[in-house]
Amino acid sequence: MEVRILRVDNSLPLPRYETNGAVAFDYVARKNTKIKPGEIGLIPGNVIIKIPRGFMILIVPRSSMPRKTGLVFPHSVGIVDQDYCGVNDEHLIQVFNPSRKIIEVKRGERVAQGVFVKIEKANWKEMKNIRQKSRGGFGSTGKISNLKI
């Protein structure tokens, strides 16, 4: 799939897949960014991407991020829509600093992963009622009923 991309800072590399089997590309920090204790910060990801029609990008944390930096994603995952590709629409990586010290992310550091995901939009068909039997409510998948020990 060919994807149009604009780097905000051309001295940093294009996003890349680190191995042949990698399904996600890495975002790198465009500038040094300090995140204060207990605060949410935005790390500039250095790219504006023209996402192909029928796709979106999921921005997810690198598995090593909490261990290496101490930062976590406050929203678990980010979604980039197809129409987020204007002149000021650099991808920003939202992070939370749960520690008691300032954490600095260095320019060029890999800060997140992006995954292209094929999507479809729903055409809603409203119903008067649903006749299917309930599964048992929120959190019911995998529940063992009538367990006797």
Protein backbone atom coordinates (compact mmCIF):
# COMPACT_ATOMS: atom_id res chain seq x y z
CA MET A 1 0.00 0.00 0.00
CA GLU A 2 1.41 3.36 -0.98
CA VAL A 3 0.78 6.11 1.60
CA ARG A 4 1.50 9.82 1.27
CA ILE A 5 3.43 11.28 4.19
CA LEU A 6 4.95 14.63 5.16
CA ARG A 7 7.74 14.85 7.72
CA VAL A 8 7.62 18.05 9.77
CA ASP A 9 11.39 17.78 10.35
CA ASN A 10 13.15 16.16 7.36
CA SER A 11 16.31 15.50 9.37
CA LEU A 12 14.48 12.70 11.23
CA PRO A 13 13.80 9.38 9.49
CA LEU A 14 10.50 8.31 7.97
CA PRO A 15 8.53 5.91 10.16
CA ARG A 16 9.68 2.37 9.55
CA TYR A 17 8.87 -1.21 10.35
CA GLU A 18 11.81 -2.47 12.42
CA THR A 19 11.64 -6.10 11.20
CA ASN A 20 10.16 -7.94 8.22
CA GLY A 21 7.49 -9.41 10.51
CA ALA A 22 6.56 -6.14 12.25
CA VAL A 23 2.94 -5.06 11.76
CA ALA A 24 3.40 -1.60 13.29
CA PHE A 25 5.66 1.28 12.31
CA ASP A 26 7.45 3.41 14.90
CA TYR A 27 6.81 7.08 15.61
CA VAL A 28 9.82 9.12 16.72
CA ALA A 29 9.75 12.23 18.87
CA ARG A 30 10.32 15.37 16.82
CA LYS A 31 11.68 17.35 19.76
CA ASN A 32 12.77 16.93 23.36
CA THR A 33 9.60 16.91 25.44
CA LYS A 34 9.35 17.11 29.24
CA ILE A 35 6.30 15.69 30.98
CA LYS A 36 5.78 16.85 34.55
CA PRO A 37 4.73 14.44 37.31
CA GLY A 38 1.01 13.63 37.24
CA GLU A 39 0.51 15.40 33.91
CA ILE A 40 -0.49 14.44 30.40
CA GLY A 41 1.88 15.55 27.67
CA LEU A 42 1.85 15.55 23.88
CA ILE A 43 4.93 14.33 22.05
CA PRO A 44 5.09 15.52 18.42
CA GLY A 45 5.36 12.45 16.15
CA ASN A 46 6.91 14.34 13.20
CA VAL A 47 4.45 13.16 10.54
CA ILE A 48 1.29 14.15 8.75
CA ILE A 49 -0.13 11.10 6.99
CA LYS A 50 -2.74 10.96 4.22
CA ILE A 51 -4.50 7.83 5.43
CA PRO A 52 -5.95 5.83 2.52
CA ARG A 53 -9.73 5.67 2.19
CA GLY A 54 -11.14 2.71 4.12
CA PHE A 55 -8.34 2.73 6.72
CA MET A 56 -7.50 4.37 10.03
CA ILE A 57 -4.35 4.36 12.13
CA LEU A 58 -4.25 3.03 15.66
CA ILE A 59 -1.53 4.61 17.78
CA VAL A 60 -0.46 2.22 20.49
CA PRO A 61 2.33 2.26 23.06
CA ARG A 62 5.53 0.38 22.40
CA SER A 63 5.62 -2.59 24.76
CA SER A 64 8.85 -1.29 26.33
CA MET A 65 7.55 2.24 26.91
CA PRO A 66 6.53 1.99 30.60
CA ARG A 67 9.71 0.10 31.52
CA LYS A 68 12.08 2.36 29.57
CA THR A 69 10.47 5.76 30.12
CA GLY A 70 7.94 5.37 32.93
CA LEU A 71 5.27 6.90 30.68
CA VAL A 72 1.91 5.30 29.86
CA PHE A 73 -0.91 6.08 27.45
CA PRO A 74 -3.78 7.65 29.42
CA HIS A 75 -6.29 6.55 26.77
CA SER A 76 -4.82 3.08 26.03
CA VAL A 77 -4.96 3.59 22.27
CA GLY A 78 -5.27 6.53 19.88
CA ILE A 79 -7.29 6.63 16.69
CA VAL A 80 -6.31 8.75 13.70
CA ASP A 81 -9.18 9.39 11.27
CA GLN A 82 -8.86 9.45 7.49
CA ASP A 83 -9.54 13.18 7.32
CA TYR A 84 -6.88 14.17 9.87
CA CYS A 85 -4.24 15.25 7.37
CA GLY A 86 -4.27 19.02 7.17
CA VAL A 87 -1.30 21.36 7.26
CA ASN A 88 -1.25 21.42 11.10
CA ASP A 89 -2.30 17.80 11.71
CA GLU A 90 0.99 16.36 12.93
CA HIS A 91 0.38 13.12 14.80
CA LEU A 92 0.80 13.75 18.52
CA ILE A 93 1.50 10.99 21.02
CA GLN A 94 -0.46 11.52 24.24
CA VAL A 95 1.33 10.22 27.34
CA PHE A 96 0.82 10.34 31.09
CA ASN A 97 3.57 10.61 33.69
CA PRO A 98 2.44 8.69 36.81
CA SER A 99 5.78 9.23 38.57
CA ARG A 100 6.94 11.94 40.97
CA LYS A 101 9.71 13.19 38.68
CA ILE A 102 9.90 15.00 35.36
CA ILE A 103 10.38 12.57 32.47
CA GLU A 104 12.10 13.82 29.33
CA VAL A 105 11.63 12.16 25.97
CA LYS A 106 14.55 12.87 23.68
CA ARG A 107 14.32 13.97 20.05
CA GLY A 108 14.52 10.95 17.74
CA GLU A 109 13.43 8.50 20.45
CA ARG A 110 10.85 5.89 19.38
CA VAL A 111 7.72 6.78 21.34
CA ALA A 112 4.79 4.81 19.91
CA GLN A 113 3.67 2.45 17.19
CA GLY A 114 1.17 3.01 14.39
CA VAL A 115 -0.95 0.32 12.75
CA PHE A 116 -3.05 0.74 9.61
CA VAL A 117 -6.44 -0.90 10.19
CA LYS A 118 -9.07 -1.53 7.52
CA ILE A 119 -12.45 -0.16 8.57
CA GLU A 120 -16.05 -0.14 7.47
CA LYS A 121 -18.74 2.29 8.53
CA ALA A 122 -22.07 1.01 9.78
CA ASN A 123 -25.40 1.78 8.18
CA TRP A 124 -27.68 1.71 11.22
CA LYS A 125 -30.98 -0.13 11.05
CA GLU A 126 -32.96 0.72 14.16
CA MET A 127 -35.17 -1.99 15.64
CA LYS A 128 -38.17 -1.87 18.00
CA ASN A 129 -36.78 -4.75 20.11
CA ILE A 130 -34.22 -7.53 20.17
CA ARG A 131 -35.34 -11.10 20.70
CA GLN A 132 -31.94 -12.68 21.32
CA LYS A 133 -31.34 -14.07 24.81
CA SER A 134 -28.97 -12.03 26.97
CA ARG A 135 -25.49 -13.40 27.63
CA GLY A 136 -25.56 -12.27 31.23
CA GLY A 137 -24.43 -8.66 31.22
CA PHE A 138 -21.18 -6.73 31.34
CA GLY A 139 -18.13 -8.93 31.88
CA SER A 140 -20.03 -12.16 31.31
CA THR A 141 -17.78 -13.67 28.61
CA GLY A 142 -15.96 -16.67 30.03
CA LYS A 143 -17.91 -16.61 33.29
CA ILE A 144 -18.24 -20.05 34.85
CA SER A 145 -21.72 -20.51 36.27
CA ASN A 146 -22.70 -22.87 39.10
CA LEU A 147 -19.07 -23.41 40.09
CA LYS A 148 -18.76 -25.78 43.04
CA ILE A 149 -15.46 -26.33 44.77
